Protein backbone atom coordinates (compact mmCIF):
# COMPACT_ATOMS: atom_id res chain seq x y z
CA MET A 1 -42.71 124.83 33.59
CA ASN A 2 -44.06 124.23 37.12
CA ILE A 3 -43.21 120.81 38.54
CA VAL A 4 -44.18 118.97 41.74
CA LEU A 5 -42.05 116.04 42.97
CA PHE A 6 -43.07 113.14 45.24
CA ASP A 7 -40.66 110.63 46.80
CA ASP A 8 -40.48 109.38 50.39
CA GLU A 9 -36.66 109.51 50.26
CA PRO A 10 -35.30 113.09 50.64
CA LEU A 11 -32.01 112.22 48.92
CA ALA A 12 -33.90 110.84 45.93
CA LEU A 13 -35.93 114.07 45.73
CA ASP A 14 -32.78 116.19 45.78
CA TYR A 15 -31.10 114.02 43.13
CA LEU A 16 -34.12 114.21 40.82
CA GLU A 17 -34.32 117.99 41.22
CA HIS A 18 -30.60 118.27 40.42
CA GLN A 19 -30.97 116.17 37.27
CA LEU A 20 -34.00 118.15 36.13
CA ARG A 21 -32.27 121.50 36.51
CA LEU A 22 -29.29 120.30 34.48
CA ILE A 23 -31.33 119.97 31.33
CA LYS A 24 -34.26 122.36 31.65
CA ASP A 25 -35.14 125.75 33.06
CA ILE A 26 -37.89 124.64 35.39
CA ASN A 27 -39.67 125.78 38.50
CA ILE A 28 -39.99 123.22 41.30
CA ILE A 29 -43.04 124.46 43.18
CA GLY A 30 -43.24 121.49 45.55
CA LYS A 31 -41.08 118.61 46.88
CA TYR A 32 -42.87 116.15 49.15
CA THR A 33 -41.97 112.97 50.99
CA PHE A 34 -45.66 112.39 51.79
CA PHE A 35 -49.01 113.18 50.24
CA ASP A 36 -51.33 115.59 52.05
CA PRO A 37 -54.08 116.59 49.59
CA GLU A 38 -55.53 119.39 51.70
CA ASN A 39 -52.24 121.24 52.25
CA ILE A 40 -50.82 120.92 48.74
CA GLN A 41 -54.00 121.51 46.77
CA GLN A 42 -52.80 124.88 45.45
CA GLN A 43 -49.45 123.47 44.32
CA ILE A 44 -51.22 120.71 42.39
CA LYS A 45 -53.51 123.28 40.82
CA ASN A 46 -50.52 125.35 39.65
CA ALA A 47 -48.43 122.38 38.51
CA ASP A 48 -47.81 121.59 34.84
CA VAL A 49 -46.20 118.19 35.45
CA ILE A 50 -46.03 115.67 38.32
CA PHE A 51 -43.01 113.44 38.98
CA SER A 52 -43.72 110.68 41.51
CA ASP A 53 -42.14 107.59 43.02
CA ILE A 54 -44.43 104.54 43.32
CA GLU A 55 -43.48 102.56 46.43
CA MET A 56 -43.76 105.15 49.22
CA VAL A 57 -44.54 104.64 52.90
CA SER A 58 -47.47 107.04 53.17
CA VAL A 59 -49.13 106.34 49.83
CA ASN A 60 -48.68 104.28 46.70
CA GLY A 61 -47.71 106.50 43.79
CA LEU A 62 -50.31 104.90 41.53
CA ASP A 63 -53.06 105.77 44.01
CA LEU A 64 -51.61 109.26 44.37
CA ALA A 65 -51.79 109.72 40.60
CA GLU A 66 -55.42 108.65 40.43
CA ILE A 67 -56.31 111.16 43.17
CA ILE A 68 -54.49 113.96 41.36
CA LEU A 69 -56.07 113.06 38.01
CA LYS A 70 -59.53 113.32 39.52
CA GLU A 71 -58.76 116.93 40.46
CA LYS A 72 -56.74 117.82 37.35
CA ARG A 73 -57.60 115.27 34.69
CA ASN A 74 -55.12 116.20 31.95
CA ILE A 75 -51.96 116.85 33.94
CA PRO A 76 -49.05 114.69 32.69
CA ILE A 77 -47.64 112.32 35.31
CA ILE A 78 -44.14 110.85 35.16
CA PHE A 79 -43.35 107.89 37.41
CA VAL A 80 -39.81 107.53 38.77
CA THR A 81 -39.23 104.19 40.49
CA GLY A 82 -36.76 101.41 41.11
CA PHE A 83 -39.25 98.71 40.09
CA GLU A 84 -40.18 97.58 36.58
CA GLN A 85 -43.32 95.64 37.52
CA TYR A 86 -45.54 98.72 37.86
CA ALA A 87 -45.08 99.89 34.27
CA VAL A 88 -48.21 98.26 32.90
CA LYS A 89 -50.41 99.65 35.68
CA ALA A 90 -48.80 103.08 35.27
CA PHE A 91 -49.69 103.26 31.60
CA GLU A 92 -53.20 102.04 32.37
CA ILE A 93 -53.81 105.30 34.24
CA ASN A 94 -52.28 107.15 31.29
CA ALA A 95 -48.85 108.03 32.67
CA LEU A 96 -46.85 110.07 30.19
CA ASP A 97 -43.57 108.30 31.01
CA TYR A 98 -42.04 105.67 33.31
CA LEU A 99 -38.45 106.16 34.51
CA LEU A 100 -36.27 103.64 36.31
CA LYS A 101 -33.88 104.82 39.01
CA PRO A 102 -31.20 106.03 38.83
CA VAL A 103 -32.46 108.51 36.25
CA THR A 104 -29.88 109.64 33.71
CA GLY A 105 -29.73 113.01 32.01
CA SER A 106 -30.11 111.47 28.55
CA ARG A 107 -33.27 109.64 29.62
CA LEU A 108 -34.72 112.81 31.12
CA LYS A 109 -34.17 114.61 27.82
CA LYS A 110 -36.44 112.06 26.15
CA THR A 111 -39.00 112.62 28.90
CA PHE A 112 -39.03 116.36 28.27
CA GLU A 113 -39.43 115.75 24.55
CA ARG A 114 -42.56 113.78 25.42
CA ILE A 115 -43.76 116.54 27.74
CA GLU A 116 -43.25 119.20 25.07
CA GLY A 117 -45.01 117.04 22.49
CA TYR A 118 -47.90 116.56 24.90
CA PHE A 119 -48.30 120.30 25.47
CA LYS A 120 -48.06 121.06 21.74
CA ALA A 121 -50.85 118.58 21.08
CA SER A 122 -52.88 120.09 23.93
CA ASN A 123 -52.47 123.58 22.48
CA ARG A 124 -53.94 122.34 19.20
CA ASP A 125 -57.02 121.08 20.97
CA ILE A 126 -60.17 123.11 20.39
CA ALA A 127 -62.57 123.96 23.18
CA PRO A 128 -65.41 121.42 22.95
CA THR A 129 -68.00 123.95 24.09
CA LYS A 130 -67.41 125.85 20.83
CA HIS A 131 -66.58 123.04 18.43
CA PRO A 132 -68.52 119.77 18.80
CA LEU A 133 -66.94 116.51 17.69
CA HIS A 134 -68.70 114.24 15.20
CA ILE A 135 -67.72 110.58 14.93
CA SER A 136 -68.69 108.70 11.76
CA VAL A 137 -69.14 104.93 11.94
CA LEU A 138 -71.58 104.49 9.04
CA GLY A 139 -69.37 103.89 6.04
CA ASP A 140 -65.87 105.20 6.71
CA PHE A 141 -64.75 105.55 10.35
CA SER A 142 -63.53 109.09 11.02
CA PHE A 143 -63.51 112.04 13.42
CA GLN A 144 -64.53 115.56 12.46
CA LEU A 145 -64.56 118.82 14.37
CA GLN A 146 -67.00 121.46 13.19
CA ASP A 147 -65.89 123.29 10.02
CA GLN A 148 -62.75 121.14 9.73
CA PRO A 149 -61.84 118.25 7.41
CA SER A 150 -62.55 114.76 8.72
CA GLU A 151 -59.62 112.87 10.26
CA VAL A 152 -58.82 109.18 10.11
CA ILE A 153 -57.04 108.20 13.33
CA SER A 154 -53.64 106.53 13.01
CA TRP A 155 -53.67 103.52 15.35
CA ARG A 156 -50.47 101.97 16.63
CA THR A 157 -52.04 98.49 16.58
CA HIS A 158 -55.19 96.85 15.21
CA ASN A 159 -56.11 95.87 18.77
CA ALA A 160 -56.05 99.50 19.92
CA CYS A 161 -58.46 100.38 17.11
CA GLN A 162 -60.78 97.47 17.85
CA LEU A 163 -60.75 98.21 21.58
CA PHE A 164 -61.75 101.82 20.98
CA LEU A 165 -64.52 100.85 18.58
CA TYR A 166 -65.90 98.25 20.97
CA LEU A 167 -65.93 100.71 23.88
CA LEU A 168 -67.53 103.31 21.60
CA HIS A 169 -70.15 100.78 20.51
CA HIS A 170 -70.99 100.30 24.20
CA HIS A 171 -70.37 103.88 25.34
CA ASN A 172 -71.74 104.76 28.78
CA GLN A 173 -71.60 101.05 29.68
CA VAL A 174 -68.94 99.22 31.69
CA VAL A 175 -67.17 96.54 29.64
CA THR A 176 -65.34 94.04 31.84
CA LYS A 177 -61.63 93.38 31.43
CA ASP A 178 -62.38 89.65 31.31
CA TYR A 179 -64.59 90.14 28.27
CA LEU A 180 -62.01 92.35 26.56
CA ILE A 181 -59.34 89.72 27.16
CA GLU A 182 -61.57 87.12 25.51
CA LEU A 183 -62.25 89.51 22.63
CA LEU A 184 -58.68 90.64 21.93
CA PHE A 185 -56.29 88.09 23.44
CA PRO A 186 -58.09 84.74 23.74
CA HIS A 187 -54.94 82.70 23.05
CA LEU A 188 -52.67 84.35 25.65
CA GLU A 189 -52.10 83.25 29.22
CA LEU A 190 -54.21 85.26 31.65
CA GLU A 191 -51.42 87.38 33.14
CA LYS A 192 -49.95 88.16 29.73
CA ALA A 193 -53.41 89.01 28.42
CA LYS A 194 -54.01 91.41 31.33
CA SER A 195 -50.72 93.14 30.59
CA GLN A 196 -51.66 93.45 26.93
CA ILE A 197 -55.00 95.01 27.84
CA TYR A 198 -53.23 97.69 29.90
CA VAL A 199 -50.77 98.38 27.09
CA THR A 200 -53.58 98.55 24.52
CA ILE A 201 -55.55 100.99 26.67
CA TYR A 202 -52.46 103.18 26.83
CA GLN A 203 -52.02 103.01 23.04
CA LEU A 204 -55.69 103.85 22.57
CA ARG A 205 -55.49 106.92 24.81
CA GLN A 206 -52.38 108.13 23.03
CA ALA A 207 -54.06 107.78 19.63
CA ILE A 208 -57.07 109.90 20.62
CA SER A 209 -55.20 112.34 22.90
CA LYS A 210 -56.16 115.23 20.62
CA TYR A 211 -59.79 114.58 21.54
CA LYS A 212 -59.33 114.03 25.27
CA GLU A 213 -61.79 116.84 26.06
CA TYR A 214 -64.48 114.92 24.20
CA ILE A 215 -63.72 111.28 25.00
CA GLU A 216 -63.02 109.92 28.48
CA ILE A 217 -62.02 106.30 29.07
CA SER A 218 -62.01 105.30 32.74
CA SER A 219 -61.15 102.14 34.63
CA ILE A 220 -64.13 101.18 36.78
CA GLN A 221 -65.60 98.04 38.39
CA SER A 222 -62.97 95.68 36.94
CA GLY A 223 -63.60 97.08 33.50
CA TYR A 224 -63.59 100.19 31.35
CA ILE A 225 -66.20 102.75 30.40
CA LEU A 226 -66.10 105.27 27.56
CA LYS A 227 -68.01 108.53 28.01
CA LEU A 228 -68.55 111.29 25.47
CA LYS A 229 -68.88 115.04 25.93
CA ASN A 230 -70.23 117.40 23.27
CA THR A 231 -69.93 114.60 20.75
CA THR A 232 -72.34 113.05 18.25
CA ILE A 233 -72.15 109.67 16.52
CA ASP A 234 -73.78 109.46 13.09
CA LYS A 235 -75.31 106.05 13.83
CA VAL A 236 -76.99 107.35 16.98
CA VAL A 237 -78.27 110.47 15.21
CA TRP A 238 -79.70 108.43 12.33
CA GLN A 239 -81.40 105.88 14.61
CA SER A 240 -82.89 108.58 16.82
CA ARG A 241 -84.35 110.53 13.89
CA LEU A 242 -85.70 107.35 12.31
CA GLU A 243 -87.37 106.17 15.52
CA ASN A 244 -89.00 109.57 16.06
CA ALA A 245 -90.05 110.17 12.46
CA PRO A 246 -93.75 110.72 11.71
CA ALA A 247 -95.73 108.56 9.29
CA ILE A 248 -94.89 108.93 5.60
CA GLU A 249 -97.27 111.44 4.07
CA PRO A 250 -97.02 114.11 1.35
CA HIS A 251 -95.82 116.74 3.83
CA THR A 252 -93.29 114.42 5.55
CA ILE A 253 -91.77 112.49 2.63
CA THR A 254 -88.89 114.98 2.29
CA GLN A 255 -88.08 114.51 5.97
CA HIS A 256 -87.94 110.75 5.49
CA GLU A 257 -85.64 111.09 2.48
CA GLU A 258 -83.29 113.28 4.53
CA ILE A 259 -83.22 110.65 7.29
CA ALA A 260 -82.47 107.89 4.78
CA ALA A 261 -79.57 109.95 3.41
CA LEU A 262 -77.94 109.96 6.87
CA TYR A 263 -77.12 106.29 6.38
CA LYS A 264 -73.77 106.65 4.59
CA GLY A 265 -72.97 102.95 4.27
CA ASP A 266 -72.34 99.74 6.18
CA TYR A 267 -71.53 100.04 9.87
CA LEU A 268 -67.72 100.21 10.15
CA LYS A 269 -67.54 98.90 6.59
CA SER A 270 -63.75 98.54 6.46
CA MET A 271 -63.48 96.79 9.84
CA ASP A 272 -63.37 93.00 9.78
CA TYR A 273 -64.44 92.23 13.36
CA VAL A 274 -66.79 89.37 14.24
CA TRP A 275 -68.77 91.44 16.75
CA VAL A 276 -69.45 94.10 14.09
CA ASP A 277 -71.27 91.73 11.72
CA GLN A 278 -74.47 91.35 13.74
CA GLU A 279 -74.89 95.10 14.21
CA ARG A 280 -74.01 95.74 10.57
CA ILE A 281 -76.74 93.36 9.38
CA HIS A 282 -79.27 94.77 11.87
CA LEU A 283 -78.69 98.38 10.77
CA GLU A 284 -78.76 97.51 7.08
CA LYS A 285 -82.11 95.74 7.49
CA LYS A 286 -83.49 98.74 9.36
CA TRP A 287 -82.37 101.08 6.59
CA LEU A 288 -83.70 98.81 3.81
CA THR A 289 -87.07 98.59 5.56
CA HIS A 290 -87.23 102.37 5.74
CA ILE A 291 -86.30 103.08 2.12
CA SER A 292 -88.67 100.33 0.97
CA LYS A 293 -91.49 102.34 2.57
CA ILE A 294 -90.24 105.48 0.83
CA ALA A 295 -90.10 103.63 -2.50
CA ALA A 296 -93.60 102.22 -2.00
CA TYR A 297 -94.96 105.71 -1.28
CA HIS A 298 -93.46 107.10 -4.49
CA LEU A 299 -94.82 104.15 -6.48
CA GLU A 300 -98.27 105.66 -6.07
CA ASN A 301 -97.20 109.22 -6.84
CA ASN A 302 -93.96 109.57 -8.79
CA LEU A 303 -92.50 106.75 -10.92
CA ASP A 304 -89.16 108.53 -11.38
CA GLN A 305 -88.66 108.81 -7.63
CA ALA A 306 -89.87 105.25 -7.13
CA GLU A 307 -87.30 104.08 -9.70
CA PHE A 308 -84.54 105.92 -7.81
CA TRP A 309 -85.36 104.31 -4.46
CA PHE A 310 -85.89 100.79 -5.80
CA LEU A 311 -82.53 101.03 -7.59
CA MET A 312 -80.97 102.03 -4.28
CA ILE A 313 -82.50 98.98 -2.60
CA LEU A 314 -81.05 96.70 -5.27
CA GLN A 315 -77.65 98.34 -4.98
CA ILE A 316 -77.47 97.09 -1.40
CA ASN A 317 -79.56 93.94 -1.76
CA PRO A 318 -79.38 92.70 -5.40
CA GLU A 319 -81.26 89.47 -4.63
CA ASN A 320 -84.32 91.36 -3.37
CA GLU A 321 -86.99 89.84 -5.64
CA GLU A 322 -89.79 92.19 -4.63
CA ALA A 323 -87.77 95.32 -5.42
CA ARG A 324 -86.46 93.82 -8.66
CA PHE A 325 -89.94 92.79 -9.83
CA THR A 326 -91.44 96.17 -8.96
CA LEU A 327 -88.66 97.96 -10.84
CA MET A 328 -89.29 95.80 -13.90
CA LYS A 329 -92.97 96.78 -13.78
CA ILE A 330 -91.98 100.47 -13.50
CA PHE A 331 -89.87 100.18 -16.66
CA ALA A 332 -92.78 98.40 -18.37
CA GLN A 333 -95.08 101.32 -17.54
CA LYS A 334 -92.44 103.75 -18.82
CA LYS A 335 -92.07 101.66 -22.03
CA ASN A 336 -88.34 101.27 -21.39
CA THR A 337 -87.68 97.76 -22.66
CA MET A 338 -83.90 98.09 -22.56
CA LEU A 339 -83.77 98.85 -18.83
CA LEU A 340 -86.42 96.21 -18.12
CA ASP A 341 -84.33 93.57 -19.91
CA GLN A 342 -81.27 94.73 -18.01
CA GLN A 343 -83.05 94.29 -14.68
CA TYR A 344 -84.26 90.82 -15.60
CA TYR A 345 -80.81 89.64 -16.68
CA GLN A 346 -79.26 91.06 -13.51
CA TYR A 347 -81.87 89.20 -11.51
CA VAL A 348 -81.14 85.92 -13.31
CA LYS A 349 -77.41 86.38 -12.71
CA ALA A 350 -77.92 87.19 -9.01
CA MET A 351 -79.99 84.03 -8.56
CA SER A 352 -77.43 81.97 -10.45
CA ASP A 353 -74.57 83.31 -8.32
CA LEU A 354 -76.52 82.33 -5.22
CA GLU A 355 -77.46 78.98 -6.76
CA LEU A 356 -81.15 79.77 -6.25
CA PRO A 357 -84.03 79.10 -8.66
CA ILE A 358 -85.70 81.89 -10.59
CA ASN A 359 -89.10 82.87 -9.23
CA PRO A 360 -91.67 81.34 -11.67
CA GLU A 361 -93.97 84.35 -11.30
CA ILE A 362 -91.22 86.76 -12.39
CA GLU A 363 -90.13 84.51 -15.26
CA GLN A 364 -93.71 84.09 -16.55
CA TRP A 365 -94.41 87.82 -16.27
CA TYR A 366 -91.24 88.66 -18.20
CA ASN A 367 -92.04 86.16 -20.97
CA ARG A 368 -95.57 87.57 -21.31
CA TYR A 369 -94.13 91.09 -21.51
CA LYS A 370 -91.66 90.10 -24.24
CA ASN A 371 -94.49 88.55 -26.25
CA SER A 372 -96.93 91.44 -25.76
CA PRO A 373 -95.11 94.57 -24.48
CA PHE A 374 -97.84 96.99 -25.51
CA ILE A 375 -100.43 95.68 -23.05
CA TYR A 376 -98.32 96.83 -20.05
C-alpha cells in the first residue's frame, strides 16, 4: 500500500511513519512538511492513501485535500490533527477517517480496517462505461446495475436518505445549505444545524459509495450539487418519452401503451416527505391524463382494451366519475349486468366515503338501465 504523509512538523511525520510500520507492511512514497503540487504530482498519482495534518504553515490540510481530490477523486484521505473542531468539515469533503494526536497503534488498526473495507468496496464497483446505473423513483426507490438485481440502499439515518433524494430530485442544480438546514433541521440552532448537514452529507456519501463512479456530490457556492454519469432515472425517462410521443393513432397506440407502462407507481411512494407530495400529485395527474387518452381511443375501437384502461384509471382514482360512468356503459354494451352493478356500488361507496353527493345523471342512467337493460 503506497502512502503519502503531510505534516509541517518533521518529528510528527517520523512518529506517524513509525506507528504505521508497526502495524502494517506499507510503502511510504512521500513525506512532506509543505505542499508543492508540481513537484509531488507523481507521488500523488501513485499513492493509495493520504495521511495529512490540518493546521500547517504552508497550507491548510482541508484545502490540500480538496486539491488532491480534484486530481484523484477517489483516493482515501485520513486526517491526523491535534484539533477536534475540524472533524465536521473533514467529513464534508469525504475524509475516510479523522485521527487525534497522539495517534495510538490500536486506533491506527481501526483506520486500516476502514481502508481495507474501502478498497474491497471499490473492487466490487463495476466500470460505468460498461454497466449503466438505473435509479427507480416511480414506485419503489432502488438502484440497479445492468443485468443485476435491484438494490435498496441501507441508510444510516432518515435524514441521509431524504437529503439524497432531494439532491437527486434537483440533480444538476445547486441546492443551498441554508435551504437544506430549513428542510432537515429547522428546530436546531444554526451552528448545530450546519454541523448536522456536514455529518449527513458524510453519511450519504458512505451509503452510496458503491456507486461513486456514477453519482458525484460536490460542495459548491454555499450549497451542494448532485451530478450523474452514465445513469438513468425512470421518472426522467418516462417524462421524456411522454413529451416526445406522437399523436395517438392506430400505428402509434402500442408505443403509447409502452410509455404508460413505464409509470410503475407513485413517485417515491414509501417516502413521507412534504416536498414529495406536490411532485407526486403532478406526475400522477400527468399519467392519468395520458391513459385517459389511451382509454378514449380504445373506446372507439376495442371495448376489451377500453375496459382494461378505464379500470386502471379507477384503480388510481376511484372517485373519477367520468371513467366510472364510461365503464358502466361499456358493461351495458357487453350485457354484463353483474360487473355494471359492481361498478355502480363501488361508485356510491366512494362518494359516501368522501361525503359527496351522487351525480344525478349517473343515478338516473343506472335506474333506467335496471328497468330496461335490453335497450342498451
